[in-house]
Structures are given as structure tokens and as C-alpha cells.
Amino acid sequence: MASEINIEKKLKHLDFIQLVITRMNVNSFLIKGWSVTLIAALFAFAAKESDKNFIVITYISTFAFWMLDGYYLSQERQYRSLYDKVRNLKEDEIDFDMNAKAFNRGRNSWFKSLFAEIFLYFYGALMIIILAVLIAVKR
């Protein structure tokens, strides 16, 4: 009976961690959607107002979204590491600790997360598109 309770504790703790991982993943997805939406809106304002400053603002906003998205990926990676740690714990060692800061190093750090391959493709492509529009507007 006691081992069943301990196994339930472990599964519940893993569920809690998985919920945080899912929330970070959803936040990252929403950030990407908002960045594309904002860029499209700023391009529309730039075309309507014939003002190149809107295009420059897109660079700033894209950079800000990239930084925020890197933060969410870093948090997700840290909680994945916490998940792995808890998964390997014995059932009687479960303490429901949700602090993942101990895993904020190496690949899980914010700086390393900024340069994840997916971000280089996604935000790099956005930066190239913004540059192309800026060049096209200057002509």
C-alpha cells in the first residue's frame, strides 16, 4: 500500500512538471504567432504611411520576441531536465520540488537557447524578410 502511494506521488510530481513544460511550449508557440502578426501589421502601416521607421521598428520587435522566445525555451529545457531527474528518483525521495534553476547551465541556459537551430531558421528568416522589405522600400 505504501509503495502505491509513493508511485502515485511520483506520477503526480511528473504531471506537475509536464504541465509547466507544456505551458512553456504553448508560450513559445504564441510568441512566434505574435511576432509574425506584429511584423505584418507594421509592414501594413509602413506601406500606408510611407514611413520606413515602421520597418525599423519591426527589427526591434523581432529581436525582443526572439529574446522572450529564448527565455521560454530555456525554461522548457530546464523543466525537461527536472523531469528526467524526478523520473529517475526512487519513489520515497519525491519531495514535489518544482525549482528547475539547478539545471540552468549549458544547453539549458538562456544564451544557448537563443541560438537553438529552430530560432536561427525562424527569426533569421524574419530578419532577412525585413531587410529585403527595407531595401525594396528604399528604392
Protein backbone atom coordinates (compact mmCIF):
# COMPACT_ATOMS: atom_id res chain seq x y z
CA MET A 1 0.00 0.00 0.00
CA ALA A 2 2.80 2.45 0.89
CA SER A 3 4.61 1.79 -2.40
CA GLU A 4 1.39 2.53 -4.33
CA ILE A 5 1.10 5.87 -2.56
CA ASN A 6 4.75 6.65 -3.34
CA ILE A 7 4.28 5.73 -7.00
CA GLU A 8 1.22 7.98 -7.13
CA LYS A 9 3.29 10.79 -5.61
CA LYS A 10 5.96 10.31 -8.26
CA LEU A 11 3.41 10.29 -11.08
CA LYS A 12 1.72 13.40 -9.68
CA HIS A 13 5.04 15.22 -9.42
CA LEU A 14 5.85 14.27 -13.02
CA ASP A 15 2.41 15.53 -14.07
CA PHE A 16 3.09 18.89 -12.39
CA ILE A 17 6.40 19.22 -14.22
CA GLN A 18 4.83 18.17 -17.53
CA LEU A 19 2.20 20.90 -17.14
CA VAL A 20 4.94 23.51 -16.81
CA ILE A 21 6.75 22.12 -19.86
CA THR A 22 3.53 22.26 -21.86
CA ARG A 23 2.85 25.85 -20.73
CA MET A 24 6.34 26.95 -21.82
CA ASN A 25 5.87 25.25 -25.17
CA VAL A 26 2.50 26.95 -25.72
CA ASN A 27 4.00 30.32 -24.76
CA SER A 28 6.78 29.82 -27.30
CA PHE A 29 4.23 28.98 -29.99
CA LEU A 30 2.19 32.08 -29.16
CA ILE A 31 5.29 34.29 -29.25
CA LYS A 32 6.06 33.11 -32.77
CA GLY A 33 2.49 33.84 -33.86
CA TRP A 34 2.52 37.30 -32.29
CA SER A 35 5.85 38.15 -33.90
CA VAL A 36 4.59 37.32 -37.39
CA THR A 37 1.33 39.18 -36.76
CA LEU A 38 3.11 42.28 -35.49
CA ILE A 39 5.55 42.29 -38.40
CA ALA A 40 2.69 42.04 -40.90
CA ALA A 41 0.85 44.89 -39.15
CA LEU A 42 3.95 47.09 -39.09
CA PHE A 43 4.56 46.39 -42.78
CA ALA A 44 0.97 47.46 -43.48
CA PHE A 45 1.46 50.69 -41.51
CA ALA A 46 4.76 51.31 -43.31
CA ALA A 47 3.07 50.92 -46.69
CA LYS A 48 0.08 53.06 -45.74
CA GLU A 49 2.09 55.87 -44.16
CA SER A 50 5.11 55.55 -46.49
CA ASP A 51 7.23 55.63 -43.37
CA LYS A 52 10.36 53.47 -43.22
CA ASN A 53 10.55 53.89 -39.44
CA PHE A 54 7.86 51.22 -39.07
CA ILE A 55 10.17 48.76 -40.80
CA VAL A 56 12.98 49.61 -38.39
CA ILE A 57 10.57 49.00 -35.51
CA THR A 58 9.97 45.50 -36.88
CA TYR A 59 13.65 44.72 -36.30
CA ILE A 60 13.39 45.82 -32.68
CA SER A 61 10.18 43.88 -32.06
CA THR A 62 11.50 40.76 -33.78
CA PHE A 63 14.63 40.90 -31.66
CA ALA A 64 12.51 41.33 -28.49
CA PHE A 65 10.31 38.36 -29.42
CA TRP A 66 13.43 36.29 -30.12
CA MET A 67 14.78 37.10 -26.65
CA LEU A 68 11.47 36.21 -24.99
CA ASP A 69 11.13 33.01 -27.01
CA GLY A 70 14.67 32.06 -25.97
CA TYR A 71 13.65 32.52 -22.35
CA TYR A 72 10.68 30.18 -22.74
CA LEU A 73 12.83 27.56 -24.48
CA SER A 74 15.40 27.84 -21.71
CA GLN A 75 12.69 27.32 -19.09
CA GLU A 76 11.26 24.38 -21.01
CA ARG A 77 14.67 22.74 -21.24
CA GLN A 78 15.30 23.26 -17.53
CA TYR A 79 11.98 21.62 -16.64
CA ARG A 80 12.71 18.74 -19.01
CA SER A 81 15.93 18.18 -17.08
CA LEU A 82 14.00 18.33 -13.80
CA TYR A 83 11.54 15.81 -15.25
CA ASP A 84 14.42 13.45 -16.05
CA LYS A 85 15.80 13.85 -12.54
CA VAL A 86 12.43 13.11 -10.90
CA ARG A 87 11.80 10.22 -13.28
CA ASN A 88 14.99 8.58 -12.03
CA LEU A 89 14.34 9.21 -8.32
CA LYS A 90 13.18 6.47 -6.03
CA GLU A 91 9.55 6.84 -5.03
CA ASP A 92 10.35 7.63 -1.40
CA GLU A 93 12.62 10.53 -2.48
CA ILE A 94 9.82 12.54 -4.12
CA ASP A 95 9.54 15.96 -2.49
CA PHE A 96 7.45 17.85 -5.12
CA ASP A 97 10.26 20.35 -5.69
CA MET A 98 9.46 22.43 -8.77
CA ASN A 99 12.60 24.55 -8.77
CA ALA A 100 14.47 23.93 -12.04
CA LYS A 101 17.14 26.63 -11.57
CA ALA A 102 19.73 23.96 -10.76
CA PHE A 103 19.55 22.96 -14.44
CA ASN A 104 20.18 26.49 -15.79
CA ARG A 105 23.51 25.70 -17.39
CA GLY A 106 24.95 24.51 -20.66
CA ARG A 107 22.33 23.80 -23.30
CA ASN A 108 19.55 24.89 -20.92
CA SER A 109 20.88 28.43 -20.41
CA TRP A 110 19.08 31.39 -21.89
CA PHE A 111 22.03 32.35 -24.09
CA LYS A 112 22.41 28.85 -25.57
CA SER A 113 18.65 28.64 -26.08
CA LEU A 114 18.71 31.86 -28.13
CA PHE A 115 20.78 30.09 -30.74
CA ALA A 116 18.70 26.93 -30.99
CA GLU A 117 18.52 25.77 -34.59
CA ILE A 118 14.78 26.45 -34.89
CA PHE A 119 15.26 30.05 -33.78
CA LEU A 120 18.06 30.61 -36.26
CA TYR A 121 15.78 29.44 -39.05
CA PHE A 122 12.60 31.18 -37.88
CA TYR A 123 13.91 34.52 -36.63
CA GLY A 124 16.76 34.54 -39.15
CA ALA A 125 14.21 34.22 -41.94
CA LEU A 126 12.13 37.03 -40.42
CA MET A 127 15.20 39.28 -40.23
CA ILE A 128 16.04 38.52 -43.88
CA ILE A 129 12.48 39.30 -44.94
CA ILE A 130 12.53 42.58 -43.01
CA LEU A 131 15.86 43.50 -44.60
CA ALA A 132 14.51 42.69 -48.07
CA VAL A 133 11.45 44.88 -47.48
CA LEU A 134 13.64 47.70 -46.15
CA ILE A 135 15.85 47.52 -49.26
CA ALA A 136 12.80 47.39 -51.55
CA VAL A 137 11.24 50.42 -49.85
CA LYS A 138 14.45 52.49 -50.11
CA ARG A 139 14.41 52.19 -53.88
